[in-house]
Amino acid sequence: MPRTKAEDLAAIGDDSLEGRRENALELLAPYPSLLLAVSGGPDSVALMLLCAQWSLRASRHIAVATVDHRLRKEARAEAEEVGRWARALGYAHHLLTWEEEKPATRLQERARRARYALLTACARRIGASAIALAHHSEDQAETILFRLTRGSGVAGLAGMARIARHEDIPLLRPLLDFRKEELEAVCARAAQPFFRDPSNEDESFARVRLRGLAPMLAAQGLSRDALLRLGSRAARADSALAHCAAEMLARALRRDEASWIELDAATLCEAPLEILQRVLASAILHIAPAAVLRLERLERASARVAAALSARGSVRMTLADVSIDANSGRIRLRPAPPRRSSST
């Protein structure tokens, strides 16, 4: 007689996997309502299976969402099949669609932004208090390598955080300590099928090309584990710098009004450039929470402010639609005035 789905789930893993599952899913425990992002690949399907056996499952409201980016003709049918798998495990399922016209450049980056926007909107709509993502250790190593090739700063080299935010919704990554092969094994033990996205083999994407270099890089010492060590050390350094910057901001803060901030220039004059840069970034994001801060532009702006303070001069500039006015006495940040229209 064929086994039921419940019996298949009971066969997932041994005591070691059960303990690792419980430890990993502790990250989700503070959130009473969760939205699982499940694409249909082995990693996210494994997340769905592991949550189905989570010891706190009965006390949590858990739903599943799948995004159809409309980039492949098979994607809709695959998303609908994920819905059937989710419902078989007792989850409500939400099929989300990226409707906008598809860009000709930076497709993966823009698809990722659209995916997070759709997931966040869905979480708000259903009242989910957090979104769970299925990124694993190979994803983390790949992200660190990708950012390394782009000359990322310390924060970027730290890789993906276990807890991040998209707008007002926490993003949780409970599987960062799992290997991809372990997550595929979770699916195999439950006799649970999954899909493989052919774009993961498309060498027109930079991440796929980097993935192909992994064996050669590992032979030279830049293995998955080495990249993860780099990320862990960068995360510790980033945390220490963030702590120092927060203390410096508190010391330098003169005025904190609804639409402007004033900082004491004398307090910041001797600050290391990295700390000054982080203080300015925090002040900008306080005034304009949705601002997108490009590292290169932030670095240039911080260097100009530092030079003005050192020379006891003054400088004015705009960064991320925030006006920065610095002199030897104070640094004032406020929303930049609207740009003049070029039309007549």
C-alpha atoms as a PDB file:
ATOM      1  CA  MET A   1       0.000   0.000   0.000  1.00  0.00           C
ATOM      2  CA  PRO A   2       1.448   3.442  -0.904  1.00  0.00           C
ATOM      3  CA  ARG A   3       2.411   5.681   1.978  1.00  0.00           C
ATOM      4  CA  THR A   4       0.404   8.781   2.808  1.00  0.00           C
ATOM      5  CA  LYS A   5       1.882  12.263   2.713  1.00  0.00           C
ATOM      6  CA  ALA A   6       2.009  12.247   6.522  1.00  0.00           C
ATOM      7  CA  GLU A   7       4.000   8.999   6.447  1.00  0.00           C
ATOM      8  CA  ASP A   8       6.335  10.457   3.856  1.00  0.00           C
ATOM      9  CA  LEU A   9       6.926  13.469   6.089  1.00  0.00           C
ATOM     10  CA  ALA A  10       7.604  11.230   9.049  1.00  0.00           C
ATOM     11  CA  ALA A  11      10.390   9.631   7.035  1.00  0.00           C
ATOM     12  CA  ILE A  12      12.280  12.905   6.584  1.00  0.00           C
ATOM     13  CA  GLY A  13      15.744  12.535   7.993  1.00  0.00           C
ATOM     14  CA  ASP A  14      17.100  11.094  11.189  1.00  0.00           C
ATOM     15  CA  ASP A  15      17.439  12.491  14.706  1.00  0.00           C
ATOM     16  CA  SER A  16      20.360  14.648  13.594  1.00  0.00           C
ATOM     17  CA  LEU A  17      18.307  16.317  10.863  1.00  0.00           C
ATOM     18  CA  GLU A  18      15.381  16.740  13.250  1.00  0.00           C
ATOM     19  CA  GLY A  19      17.623  18.557  15.719  1.00  0.00           C
ATOM     20  CA  ARG A  20      19.111  20.750  12.998  1.00  0.00           C
ATOM     21  CA  ARG A  21      15.626  21.523  11.691  1.00  0.00           C
ATOM     22  CA  GLU A  22      14.447  22.646  15.121  1.00  0.00           C
ATOM     23  CA  ASN A  23      17.572  24.757  15.658  1.00  0.00           C
ATOM     24  CA  ALA A  24      17.234  26.391  12.255  1.00  0.00           C
ATOM     25  CA  LEU A  25      13.535  27.106  12.621  1.00  0.00           C
ATOM     26  CA  GLU A  26      14.084  28.807  15.984  1.00  0.00           C
ATOM     27  CA  LEU A  27      14.676  31.885  13.844  1.00  0.00           C
ATOM     28  CA  LEU A  28      10.982  31.787  12.920  1.00  0.00           C
ATOM     29  CA  ALA A  29       9.694  31.250  16.463  1.00  0.00           C
ATOM     30  CA  PRO A  30       9.119  34.931  17.427  1.00  0.00           C
ATOM     31  CA  TYR A  31       6.714  35.410  14.510  1.00  0.00           C
ATOM     32  CA  PRO A  32       3.119  34.164  14.907  1.00  0.00           C
ATOM     33  CA  SER A  33       2.275  34.385  11.194  1.00  0.00           C
ATOM     34  CA  LEU A  34       4.678  33.480   8.398  1.00  0.00           C
ATOM     35  CA  LEU A  35       4.756  33.596   4.622  1.00  0.00           C
ATOM     36  CA  LEU A  36       7.067  31.018   3.019  1.00  0.00           C
ATOM     37  CA  ALA A  37       8.519  32.055  -0.348  1.00  0.00           C
ATOM     38  CA  VAL A  38       8.420  28.809  -2.361  1.00  0.00           C
ATOM     39  CA  SER A  39       9.529  28.910  -5.988  1.00  0.00           C
ATOM     40  CA  GLY A  40       9.214  25.165  -6.560  1.00  0.00           C
ATOM     41  CA  GLY A  41      12.966  24.523  -6.508  1.00  0.00           C
ATOM     42  CA  PRO A  42      14.412  21.949  -4.085  1.00  0.00           C
ATOM     43  CA  ASP A  43      15.567  24.528  -1.528  1.00  0.00           C
ATOM     44  CA  SER A  44      12.237  26.278  -1.019  1.00  0.00           C
ATOM     45  CA  VAL A  45      10.268  23.028  -1.264  1.00  0.00           C
ATOM     46  CA  ALA A  46      12.512  21.640   1.499  1.00  0.00           C
ATOM     47  CA  LEU A  47      11.729  24.730   3.603  1.00  0.00           C
ATOM     48  CA  MET A  48       8.024  24.014   3.138  1.00  0.00           C
ATOM     49  CA  LEU A  49       8.515  20.365   4.160  1.00  0.00           C
ATOM     50  CA  LEU A  50      10.652  21.205   7.196  1.00  0.00           C
ATOM     51  CA  CYS A  51       8.118  23.758   8.432  1.00  0.00           C
ATOM     52  CA  ALA A  52       5.370  21.135   8.079  1.00  0.00           C
ATOM     53  CA  GLN A  53       7.179  19.047  10.738  1.00  0.00           C
ATOM     54  CA  TRP A  54       8.239  21.980  12.906  1.00  0.00           C
ATOM     55  CA  SER A  55       7.331  21.463  16.569  1.00  0.00           C
ATOM     56  CA  LEU A  56       5.626  24.894  16.646  1.00  0.00           C
ATOM     57  CA  ARG A  57       3.693  24.338  13.419  1.00  0.00           C
ATOM     58  CA  ALA A  58       0.291  24.001  15.101  1.00  0.00           C
ATOM     59  CA  SER A  59       0.678  27.316  16.933  1.00  0.00           C
ATOM     60  CA  ARG A  60       1.746  29.315  13.884  1.00  0.00           C
ATOM     61  CA  HIS A  61      -0.245  30.546  10.900  1.00  0.00           C
ATOM     62  CA  ILE A  62       1.876  29.644   7.867  1.00  0.00           C
ATOM     63  CA  ALA A  63       1.051  30.393   4.231  1.00  0.00           C
ATOM     64  CA  VAL A  64       3.022  29.865   1.013  1.00  0.00           C
ATOM     65  CA  ALA A  65       3.551  32.280  -1.881  1.00  0.00           C
ATOM     66  CA  THR A  66       4.966  31.548  -5.331  1.00  0.00           C
ATOM     67  CA  VAL A  67       5.975  34.262  -7.791  1.00  0.00           C
ATOM     68  CA  ASP A  68       5.414  33.801 -11.503  1.00  0.00           C
ATOM     69  CA  HIS A  69       7.827  36.255 -13.130  1.00  0.00           C
ATOM     70  CA  ARG A  70       6.359  35.506 -16.569  1.00  0.00           C
ATOM     71  CA  LEU A  71       9.842  34.850 -17.924  1.00  0.00           C
ATOM     72  CA  ARG A  72       9.214  31.220 -18.968  1.00  0.00           C
ATOM     73  CA  LYS A  73       6.119  29.691 -20.520  1.00  0.00           C
ATOM     74  CA  GLU A  74       6.260  26.772 -18.057  1.00  0.00           C
ATOM     75  CA  ALA A  75       6.362  29.018 -14.989  1.00  0.00           C
ATOM     76  CA  ARG A  76       2.598  29.355 -14.540  1.00  0.00           C
ATOM     77  CA  ALA A  77       1.944  25.636 -14.542  1.00  0.00           C
ATOM     78  CA  GLU A  78       4.863  25.093 -12.156  1.00  0.00           C
ATOM     79  CA  ALA A  79       3.533  27.744  -9.759  1.00  0.00           C
ATOM     80  CA  GLU A  80       0.092  26.144  -9.826  1.00  0.00           C
ATOM     81  CA  GLU A  81       1.672  22.757  -9.047  1.00  0.00           C
ATOM     82  CA  VAL A  82       3.499  24.311  -6.078  1.00  0.00           C
ATOM     83  CA  GLY A  83       0.074  25.456  -4.915  1.00  0.00           C
ATOM     84  CA  ARG A  84      -1.180  21.874  -4.977  1.00  0.00           C
ATOM     85  CA  TRP A  85       1.880  20.697  -2.999  1.00  0.00           C
ATOM     86  CA  ALA A  86       1.379  23.486  -0.456  1.00  0.00           C
ATOM     87  CA  ARG A  87      -2.300  22.733   0.040  1.00  0.00           C
ATOM     88  CA  ALA A  88      -1.510  19.033   0.482  1.00  0.00           C
ATOM     89  CA  LEU A  89       0.693  20.050   3.421  1.00  0.00           C
ATOM     90  CA  GLY A  90      -2.059  22.193   4.921  1.00  0.00           C
ATOM     91  CA  TYR A  91      -0.831  25.609   3.765  1.00  0.00           C
ATOM     92  CA  ALA A  92      -2.853  28.330   2.063  1.00  0.00           C
ATOM     93  CA  HIS A  93      -1.176  29.242  -1.235  1.00  0.00           C
ATOM     94  CA  HIS A  94      -0.874  32.625  -2.979  1.00  0.00           C
ATOM     95  CA  LEU A  95       0.191  32.843  -6.626  1.00  0.00           C
ATOM     96  CA  LEU A  96       1.791  36.231  -7.333  1.00  0.00           C
ATOM     97  CA  THR A  97       2.516  37.572 -10.819  1.00  0.00           C
ATOM     98  CA  TRP A  98       5.099  40.083 -12.023  1.00  0.00           C
ATOM     99  CA  GLU A  99       2.925  41.900 -14.524  1.00  0.00           C
ATOM    100  CA  GLU A 100       5.242  44.731 -15.589  1.00  0.00           C
ATOM    101  CA  GLU A 101       7.045  44.839 -18.909  1.00  0.00           C
ATOM    102  CA  LYS A 102      10.311  42.939 -18.596  1.00  0.00           C
ATOM    103  CA  PRO A 103      13.556  44.947 -18.735  1.00  0.00           C
ATOM    104  CA  ALA A 104      16.206  44.358 -21.379  1.00  0.00           C
ATOM    105  CA  THR A 105      19.097  44.749 -18.899  1.00  0.00           C
ATOM    106  CA  ARG A 106      19.868  43.660 -15.304  1.00  0.00           C
ATOM    107  CA  LEU A 107      17.019  41.174 -15.564  1.00  0.00           C
ATOM    108  CA  GLN A 108      17.898  39.036 -12.540  1.00  0.00           C
ATOM    109  CA  GLU A 109      18.416  42.055 -10.277  1.00  0.00           C
ATOM    110  CA  ARG A 110      15.128  43.629 -11.308  1.00  0.00           C
ATOM    111  CA  ALA A 111      13.267  40.339 -11.082  1.00  0.00           C
ATOM    112  CA  ARG A 112      14.590  39.943  -7.536  1.00  0.00           C
ATOM    113  CA  ARG A 113      13.360  43.426  -6.604  1.00  0.00           C
ATOM    114  CA  ALA A 114       9.960  42.679  -8.110  1.00  0.00           C
ATOM    115  CA  ARG A 115       9.818  39.369  -6.227  1.00  0.00           C
ATOM    116  CA  TYR A 116      10.514  41.003  -2.867  1.00  0.00           C
ATOM    117  CA  ALA A 117       7.950  43.739  -3.588  1.00  0.00           C
ATOM    118  CA  LEU A 118       5.285  41.150  -4.446  1.00  0.00           C
ATOM    119  CA  LEU A 119       6.086  39.005  -1.404  1.00  0.00           C
ATOM    120  CA  THR A 120       6.032  42.030   0.908  1.00  0.00           C
ATOM    121  CA  ALA A 121       2.677  43.200  -0.473  1.00  0.00           C
ATOM    122  CA  CYS A 122       1.269  39.696  -0.007  1.00  0.00           C
ATOM    123  CA  ALA A 123       2.580  39.500   3.573  1.00  0.00           C
ATOM    124  CA  ARG A 124       0.879  42.783   4.406  1.00  0.00           C
ATOM    125  CA  ARG A 125      -2.352  41.699   2.742  1.00  0.00           C
ATOM    126  CA  ILE A 126      -2.645  38.422   4.680  1.00  0.00           C
ATOM    127  CA  GLY A 127      -1.228  39.809   7.935  1.00  0.00           C
ATOM    128  CA  ALA A 128       1.999  37.773   7.932  1.00  0.00           C
ATOM    129  CA  SER A 129       4.529  39.126  10.403  1.00  0.00           C
ATOM    130  CA  ALA A 130       7.581  37.854   8.465  1.00  0.00           C
ATOM    131  CA  ILE A 131       8.673  36.231   5.193  1.00  0.00           C
ATOM    132  CA  ALA A 132      10.841  33.081   5.274  1.00  0.00           C
ATOM    133  CA  LEU A 133      13.327  32.546   2.427  1.00  0.00           C
ATOM    134  CA  ALA A 134      15.193  29.340   1.559  1.00  0.00           C
ATOM    135  CA  HIS A 135      18.700  30.652   0.850  1.00  0.00           C
ATOM    136  CA  HIS A 136      21.323  28.064   1.832  1.00  0.00           C
ATOM    137  CA  SER A 137      25.092  27.992   2.370  1.00  0.00           C
ATOM    138  CA  GLU A 138      25.984  27.727  -1.330  1.00  0.00           C
ATOM    139  CA  ASP A 139      23.763  30.745  -2.031  1.00  0.00           C
ATOM    140  CA  GLN A 140      25.602  32.607   0.715  1.00  0.00           C
ATOM    141  CA  ALA A 141      29.050  31.720  -0.630  1.00  0.00           C
ATOM    142  CA  GLU A 142      27.977  32.669  -4.148  1.00  0.00           C
ATOM    143  CA  THR A 143      26.640  36.024  -2.929  1.00  0.00           C
ATOM    144  CA  ILE A 144      29.907  36.798  -1.134  1.00  0.00           C
ATOM    145  CA  LEU A 145      31.930  35.870  -4.230  1.00  0.00           C
ATOM    146  CA  PHE A 146      29.674  37.955  -6.476  1.00  0.00           C
ATOM    147  CA  ARG A 147      30.046  40.975  -4.199  1.00  0.00           C
ATOM    148  CA  LEU A 148      33.794  40.414  -3.942  1.00  0.00           C
ATOM    149  CA  THR A 149      34.094  40.679  -7.719  1.00  0.00           C
ATOM    150  CA  ARG A 150      32.140  43.954  -7.555  1.00  0.00           C
ATOM    151  CA  GLY A 151      34.453  45.518  -4.968  1.00  0.00           C
ATOM    152  CA  SER A 152      31.829  45.521  -2.234  1.00  0.00           C
ATOM    153  CA  GLY A 153      32.408  47.071   1.176  1.00  0.00           C
ATOM    154  CA  VAL A 154      32.472  45.246   4.505  1.00  0.00           C
ATOM    155  CA  ALA A 155      28.684  45.139   4.777  1.00  0.00           C
ATOM    156  CA  GLY A 156      28.372  43.521   1.342  1.00  0.00           C
ATOM    157  CA  LEU A 157      31.070  40.939   2.056  1.00  0.00           C
ATOM    158  CA  ALA A 158      29.124  39.879   5.135  1.00  0.00           C
ATOM    159  CA  GLY A 159      26.682  38.249   2.711  1.00  0.00           C
ATOM    160  CA  MET A 160      22.995  37.781   3.367  1.00  0.00           C
ATOM    161  CA  ALA A 161      21.788  38.436   6.900  1.00  0.00           C
ATOM    162  CA  ARG A 162      19.722  35.821   8.698  1.00  0.00           C
ATOM    163  CA  ILE A 163      17.294  38.594   9.579  1.00  0.00           C
ATOM    164  CA  ALA A 164      16.882  41.518   7.184  1.00  0.00           C
ATOM    165  CA  ARG A 165      13.963  43.735   6.215  1.00  0.00           C
ATOM    166  CA  HIS A 166      12.153  44.711   3.081  1.00  0.00           C
ATOM    167  CA  GLU A 167      10.336  47.912   3.912  1.00  0.00           C
ATOM    168  CA  ASP A 168       8.463  47.050   7.132  1.00  0.00           C
ATOM    169  CA  ILE A 169       8.513  43.230   6.810  1.00  0.00           C
ATOM    170  CA  PRO A 170      11.285  41.028   8.303  1.00  0.00           C
ATOM    171  CA  LEU A 171      12.998  38.640   5.883  1.00  0.00           C
ATOM    172  CA  LEU A 172      14.160  35.436   7.586  1.00  0.00           C
ATOM    173  CA  ARG A 173      16.758  32.989   6.226  1.00  0.00           C
ATOM    174  CA  PRO A 174      16.708  29.929   8.506  1.00  0.00           C
ATOM    175  CA  LEU A 175      18.586  27.564   6.154  1.00  0.00           C
ATOM    176  CA  LEU A 176      21.916  29.369   5.735  1.00  0.00           C
ATOM    177  CA  ASP A 177      23.747  26.541   7.527  1.00  0.00           C
ATOM    178  CA  PHE A 178      22.343  23.855   5.199  1.00  0.00           C
ATOM    179  CA  ARG A 179      24.004  22.651   2.003  1.00  0.00           C
ATOM    180  CA  LYS A 180      21.943  22.418  -1.159  1.00  0.00           C
ATOM    181  CA  GLU A 181      22.449  18.648  -1.302  1.00  0.00           C
ATOM    182  CA  GLU A 182      20.999  18.309   2.213  1.00  0.00           C
ATOM    183  CA  LEU A 183      17.861  20.168   1.167  1.00  0.00           C
ATOM    184  CA  GLU A 184      17.511  17.991  -1.921  1.00  0.00           C
ATOM    185  CA  ALA A 185      17.795  14.979   0.395  1.00  0.00           C
ATOM    186  CA  VAL A 186      14.894  16.330   2.474  1.00  0.00           C
ATOM    187  CA  CYS A 187      12.758  16.297  -0.680  1.00  0.00           C
ATOM    188  CA  ALA A 188      13.974  12.834  -1.655  1.00  0.00           C
ATOM    189  CA  ARG A 189      13.161  11.346   1.764  1.00  0.00           C
ATOM    190  CA  ALA A 190       9.623  12.714   1.511  1.00  0.00           C
ATOM    191  CA  ALA A 191       9.287  11.525  -2.104  1.00  0.00           C
ATOM    192  CA  GLN A 192       8.472  15.138  -2.885  1.00  0.00           C
ATOM    193  CA  PRO A 193       9.110  16.318  -6.463  1.00  0.00           C
ATOM    194  CA  PHE A 194      10.452  19.772  -7.294  1.00  0.00           C
ATOM    195  CA  PHE A 195      11.380  21.859 -10.322  1.00  0.00           C
ATOM    196  CA  ARG A 196      14.733  23.047 -11.610  1.00  0.00           C
ATOM    197  CA  ASP A 197      14.881  26.534 -13.100  1.00  0.00           C
ATOM    198  CA  PRO A 198      16.800  26.437 -16.416  1.00  0.00           C
ATOM    199  CA  SER A 199      17.951  30.022 -15.852  1.00  0.00           C
ATOM    200  CA  ASN A 200      20.319  28.591 -13.239  1.00  0.00           C
ATOM    201  CA  GLU A 201      22.288  27.152 -16.172  1.00  0.00           C
ATOM    202  CA  ASP A 202      22.129  30.264 -18.380  1.00  0.00           C
ATOM    203  CA  GLU A 203      25.667  31.631 -18.716  1.00  0.00           C
ATOM    204  CA  SER A 204      24.391  35.016 -19.849  1.00  0.00           C
ATOM    205  CA  PHE A 205      23.957  35.675 -16.106  1.00  0.00           C
ATOM    206  CA  ALA A 206      27.048  36.641 -14.086  1.00  0.00           C
ATOM    207  CA  ARG A 207      26.145  34.438 -11.135  1.00  0.00           C
ATOM    208  CA  VAL A 208      25.944  31.363 -13.352  1.00  0.00           C
ATOM    209  CA  ARG A 209      29.367  32.117 -14.837  1.00  0.00           C
ATOM    210  CA  LEU A 210      30.829  32.502 -11.342  1.00  0.00           C
ATOM    211  CA  ARG A 211      29.241  29.200 -10.350  1.00  0.00           C
ATOM    212  CA  GLY A 212      31.090  27.556 -13.217  1.00  0.00           C
ATOM    213  CA  LEU A 213      34.382  28.896 -11.861  1.00  0.00           C
ATOM    214  CA  ALA A 214      33.815  27.408  -8.403  1.00  0.00           C
ATOM    215  CA  PRO A 215      35.969  24.252  -8.875  1.00  0.00           C
ATOM    216  CA  MET A 216      38.939  26.271 -10.157  1.00  0.00           C
ATOM    217  CA  LEU A 217      38.607  28.845  -7.357  1.00  0.00           C
ATOM    218  CA  ALA A 218      38.306  26.092  -4.744  1.00  0.00           C
ATOM    219  CA  ALA A 219      41.535  24.541  -6.047  1.00  0.00           C
ATOM    220  CA  GLN A 220      43.234  27.884  -5.356  1.00  0.00           C
ATOM    221  CA  GLY A 221      41.831  28.031  -1.827  1.00  0.00           C
ATOM    222  CA  LEU A 222      38.724  30.133  -2.467  1.00  0.00           C
ATOM    223  CA  SER A 223      36.317  27.347  -1.592  1.00  0.00           C
ATOM    224  CA  ARG A 224      32.770  27.561  -0.317  1.00  0.00           C
ATOM    225  CA  ASP A 225      34.015  27.239   3.271  1.00  0.00           C
ATOM    226  CA  ALA A 226      36.655  29.944   2.755  1.00  0.00           C
ATOM    227  CA  LEU A 227      34.024  32.305   1.360  1.00  0.00           C
ATOM    228  CA  LEU A 228      31.744  31.570   4.307  1.00  0.00           C
ATOM    229  CA  ARG A 229      34.600  32.310   6.725  1.00  0.00           C
ATOM    230  CA  LEU A 230      35.202  35.598   4.917  1.00  0.00           C
ATOM    231  CA  GLY A 231      31.509  36.420   5.222  1.00  0.00           C
ATOM    232  CA  SER A 232      31.440  35.566   8.936  1.00  0.00           C
ATOM    233  CA  ARG A 233      34.480  37.755   9.645  1.00  0.00           C
ATOM    234  CA  ALA A 234      33.097  40.595   7.542  1.00  0.00           C
ATOM    235  CA  ALA A 235      29.798  40.340   9.438  1.00  0.00           C
ATOM    236  CA  ARG A 236      31.613  40.690  12.765  1.00  0.00           C
ATOM    237  CA  ALA A 237      33.557  43.703  11.479  1.00  0.00           C
ATOM    238  CA  ASP A 238      30.391  45.256  10.071  1.00  0.00           C
ATOM    239  CA  SER A 239      28.598  44.801  13.396  1.00  0.00           C
ATOM    240  CA  ALA A 240      31.475  46.469  15.271  1.00  0.00           C
ATOM    241  CA  LEU A 241      31.568  49.391  12.838  1.00  0.00           C
ATOM    242  CA  ALA A 242      27.792  49.795  13.053  1.00  0.00           C
ATOM    243  CA  HIS A 243      28.040  49.914  16.854  1.00  0.00           C
ATOM    244  CA  CYS A 244      30.769  52.573  16.744  1.00  0.00           C
ATOM    245  CA  ALA A 245      28.831  54.614  14.179  1.00  0.00           C
ATOM    246  CA  ALA A 246      25.661  54.486  16.289  1.00  0.00           C
ATOM    247  CA  GLU A 247      27.589  55.752  19.319  1.00  0.00           C
ATOM    248  CA  MET A 248      29.175  58.514  17.228  1.00  0.00           C
ATOM    249  CA  LEU A 249      25.789  59.551  15.821  1.00  0.00           C
ATOM    250  CA  ALA A 250      24.353  59.771  19.327  1.00  0.00           C
ATOM    251  CA  ARG A 251      27.256  61.961  20.442  1.00  0.00           C
ATOM    252  CA  ALA A 252      27.123  64.235  17.392  1.00  0.00           C
ATOM    253  CA  LEU A 253      23.349  64.684  17.212  1.00  0.00           C
ATOM    254  CA  ARG A 254      22.268  68.274  17.924  1.00  0.00           C
ATOM    255  CA  ARG A 255      18.760  68.422  16.518  1.00  0.00           C
ATOM    256  CA  ASP A 256      16.475  65.699  15.262  1.00  0.00           C
ATOM    257  CA  GLU A 257      13.378  67.247  13.760  1.00  0.00           C
ATOM    258  CA  ALA A 258      10.668  65.691  11.591  1.00  0.00           C
ATOM    259  CA  SER A 259      12.319  66.727   8.320  1.00  0.00           C
ATOM    260  CA  TRP A 260      15.913  67.618   9.177  1.00  0.00           C
ATOM    261  CA  ILE A 261      18.867  66.567  11.291  1.00  0.00           C
ATOM    262  CA  GLU A 262      21.755  68.669  12.566  1.00  0.00           C
ATOM    263  CA  LEU A 263      25.080  67.127  13.616  1.00  0.00           C
ATOM    264  CA  ASP A 264      27.999  68.675  15.479  1.00  0.00           C
ATOM    265  CA  ALA A 265      30.918  69.074  13.065  1.00  0.00           C
ATOM    266  CA  ALA A 266      33.551  69.230  15.817  1.00  0.00           C
ATOM    267  CA  THR A 267      32.494  65.810  17.120  1.00  0.00           C
ATOM    268  CA  LEU A 268      32.704  64.284  13.648  1.00  0.00           C
ATOM    269  CA  CYS A 269      35.869  66.067  12.508  1.00  0.00           C
ATOM    270  CA  GLU A 270      38.220  63.413  13.905  1.00  0.00           C
ATOM    271  CA  ALA A 271      36.020  60.423  13.089  1.00  0.00           C
ATOM    272  CA  PRO A 272      37.518  57.813  10.756  1.00  0.00           C
ATOM    273  CA  LEU A 273      36.085  58.148   7.262  1.00  0.00           C
ATOM    274  CA  GLU A 274      34.267  54.801   7.515  1.00  0.00           C
ATOM    275  CA  ILE A 275      32.483  55.951  10.683  1.00  0.00           C
ATOM    276  CA  LEU A 276      31.596  59.356   9.210  1.00  0.00           C
ATOM    277  CA  GLN A 277      30.234  57.575   6.138  1.00  0.00           C
ATOM    278  CA  ARG A 278      28.009  55.363   8.261  1.00  0.00           C
ATOM    279  CA  VAL A 279      26.798  58.316  10.349  1.00  0.00           C
ATOM    280  CA  LEU A 280      25.799  60.186   7.195  1.00  0.00           C
ATOM    281  CA  ALA A 281      24.090  57.076   5.809  1.00  0.00           C
ATOM    282  CA  SER A 282      22.074  56.641   9.025  1.00  0.00           C
ATOM    283  CA  ALA A 283      21.046  60.305   8.986  1.00  0.00           C
ATOM    284  CA  ILE A 284      20.002  60.125   5.331  1.00  0.00           C
ATOM    285  CA  LEU A 285      17.927  56.995   5.886  1.00  0.00           C
ATOM    286  CA  HIS A 286      16.300  58.581   8.930  1.00  0.00           C
ATOM    287  CA  ILE A 287      15.121  61.472   6.770  1.00  0.00           C
ATOM    288  CA  ALA A 288      14.382  59.383   3.653  1.00  0.00           C
ATOM    289  CA  PRO A 289      13.819  55.719   4.685  1.00  0.00           C
ATOM    290  CA  ALA A 290      13.255  54.608   1.083  1.00  0.00           C
ATOM    291  CA  ALA A 291      16.500  56.183  -0.180  1.00  0.00           C
ATOM    292  CA  VAL A 292      18.794  53.938  -2.250  1.00  0.00           C
ATOM    293  CA  LEU A 293      22.389  54.647  -1.222  1.00  0.00           C
ATOM    294  CA  ARG A 294      24.998  53.623  -3.774  1.00  0.00           C
ATOM    295  CA  LEU A 295      28.280  52.865  -1.995  1.00  0.00           C
ATOM    296  CA  GLU A 296      30.466  54.753  -4.493  1.00  0.00           C
ATOM    297  CA  ARG A 297      28.338  57.902  -4.221  1.00  0.00           C
ATOM    298  CA  LEU A 298      28.182  57.675  -0.447  1.00  0.00           C
ATOM    299  CA  GLU A 299      31.968  57.297  -0.312  1.00  0.00           C
ATOM    300  CA  ARG A 300      32.510  60.375  -2.507  1.00  0.00           C
ATOM    301  CA  ALA A 301      30.055  62.474  -0.496  1.00  0.00           C
ATOM    302  CA  SER A 302      31.627  61.413   2.811  1.00  0.00           C
ATOM    303  CA  ALA A 303      35.115  62.229   1.532  1.00  0.00           C
ATOM    304  CA  ARG A 304      33.958  65.721   0.495  1.00  0.00           C
ATOM    305  CA  VAL A 305      32.400  66.337   3.912  1.00  0.00           C
ATOM    306  CA  ALA A 306      35.535  65.060   5.681  1.00  0.00           C
ATOM    307  CA  ALA A 307      37.754  67.335   3.567  1.00  0.00           C
ATOM    308  CA  ALA A 308      35.576  70.365   4.318  1.00  0.00           C
ATOM    309  CA  LEU A 309      35.609  69.659   8.049  1.00  0.00           C
ATOM    310  CA  SER A 310      39.371  69.147   8.065  1.00  0.00           C
ATOM    311  CA  ALA A 311      39.953  72.441   6.198  1.00  0.00           C
ATOM    312  CA  ARG A 312      37.346  74.268   8.335  1.00  0.00           C
ATOM    313  CA  GLY A 313      35.550  75.060   5.105  1.00  0.00           C
ATOM    314  CA  SER A 314      32.064  74.325   3.837  1.00  0.00           C
ATOM    315  CA  VAL A 315      30.410  72.106   1.256  1.00  0.00           C
ATOM    316  CA  ARG A 316      26.916  71.565  -0.091  1.00  0.00           C
ATOM    317  CA  MET A 317      25.670  68.579  -2.059  1.00  0.00           C
ATOM    318  CA  THR A 318      22.666  66.345  -2.648  1.00  0.00           C
ATOM    319  CA  LEU A 319      22.724  62.591  -2.139  1.00  0.00           C
ATOM    320  CA  ALA A 320      19.693  60.312  -2.537  1.00  0.00           C
ATOM    321  CA  ASP A 321      17.429  63.373  -2.668  1.00  0.00           C
ATOM    322  CA  VAL A 322      18.770  64.589   0.697  1.00  0.00           C
ATOM    323  CA  SER A 323      20.580  67.928   0.925  1.00  0.00           C
ATOM    324  CA  ILE A 324      23.834  67.910   2.938  1.00  0.00           C
ATOM    325  CA  ASP A 325      25.150  71.300   4.091  1.00  0.00           C
ATOM    326  CA  ALA A 326      28.388  71.058   6.098  1.00  0.00           C
ATOM    327  CA  ASN A 327      30.670  73.668   7.610  1.00  0.00           C
ATOM    328  CA  SER A 328      33.093  73.882  10.510  1.00  0.00           C
ATOM    329  CA  GLY A 329      30.261  74.213  13.008  1.00  0.00           C
ATOM    330  CA  ARG A 330      27.587  71.786  11.913  1.00  0.00           C
ATOM    331  CA  ILE A 331      26.314  69.348   9.319  1.00  0.00           C
ATOM    332  CA  ARG A 332      22.659  69.751   8.391  1.00  0.00           C
ATOM    333  CA  LEU A 333      20.670  67.208   6.380  1.00  0.00           C
ATOM    334  CA  ARG A 334      17.162  67.787   5.034  1.00  0.00           C
ATOM    335  CA  PRO A 335      15.071  66.739   2.032  1.00  0.00           C
ATOM    336  CA  ALA A 336      16.371  68.321  -1.158  1.00  0.00           C
ATOM    337  CA  PRO A 337      13.997  70.727  -2.893  1.00  0.00           C
ATOM    338  CA  PRO A 338      12.065  69.297  -5.863  1.00  0.00           C
ATOM    339  CA  ARG A 339      14.025  69.286  -9.080  1.00  0.00           C
ATOM    340  CA  ARG A 340      12.974  71.780 -11.666  1.00  0.00           C
ATOM    341  CA  SER A 341      11.155  70.304 -14.624  1.00  0.00           C
ATOM    342  CA  SER A 342      13.006  70.600 -17.931  1.00  0.00           C
ATOM    343  CA  SER A 343       9.699  71.046 -19.730  1.00  0.00           C
ATOM    344  CA  THR A 344       8.334  74.537 -20.431  1.00  0.00           C
END
